[in-house]
Amino acid sequence: MKTNFTKPFFLGAAILALSACATMAPNQSIQDAQMRLSADYNDKKTAERGQGDLANAKSALALAQTLWDNGETEKSNHQLFMAQTYLDLAETRGAQAKVEASNTSMQSQALLAKSNNIIADKNSQINAMNNTLTTRDQQLADAQEQLRNYDMKTTELGSTMVLQDVSFETGRSELLQGGVNRLQPLINYLSLSPNTRVRIEGYTDNVGGSQYNMGLSLARANSVKAILTNSNVNSDRIETFGSGYEKPVATNSTPSGRQLNRRVEITLLKQPGN
């Protein structure tokens, strides 16, 4: 009998397992930006005129560091870019204030006009980045919602999807028709979560010898891996295993039971160090 693990409780546990953090090396770019922030606060004109921008940069840098420590490198880089852009804004405003204080010559007016253009451009970059982050977060949430369509359980390794309907003919490693489409929600999720690594394990029924079925089960796992890599999921993120007819989920004494045992299980692995 097929057990359904698609309830929100199990999906929530699965997603939390994926968000576990890894120990990350220090990010030199974040450290450089923090030094730059400190220097800007020590510059009187920049600190006064760019007060709001510096506050935003400080918040973005703190978030960038937290995300980096949690292994969420892509989101961290987004926040770092935001912080650097806010620092650019603050420094431009500080330079503008210094020009205003010096004189009102034609040259100064030209410099002021140029700095105004820089400020407008930086504000546009920030708005564009905010829109990108909002869109990406929504896409990731939608992809997580699609994973509810899978039977999912939390294991020691991570979040495991039992894909019994992505099945195979006896003695064959090619997915049955419809299997590729069945994998599309997983492909969508992996494309939006680039730090997630995957373990694919193939299984067989008990038709044939042990050694034969070990090779066949690995071929089935590699068949699924090929679909993922052909959909631009980096092969370095995927490990495959064959377990033959070990761990059957149904009886091997009936055709329907054997078909259930010809399956793959895909685990979204926990991050290292947890």
Foldseek 3Di string as FASTA:
>chain_A
DDDAQLDPVFLVQQVVLAQAADAADDDVLLVVLVVLLVVLCVQVLLCVQLVVLSVLLVVLSVVLVVCVRRVVNVSSVLSSVSSVLSSVLSVLRSVLVVLVVPDDDPVSVVSNVVSVVSNVVSVVVNVVSVVVVVVLVVLLVVLSNVCSVFRWGQDPFGIKTWPLVQFDDAPDQATDPPNLVVCVSVLSNCVSRVVWAKEKEWEAAPPDDQVSQQVSRQSNSVNVLVSSVVSVNDSVRYHYGYDYHPPQPADSPDPVSRSSRGTMMMGRGGDPPD
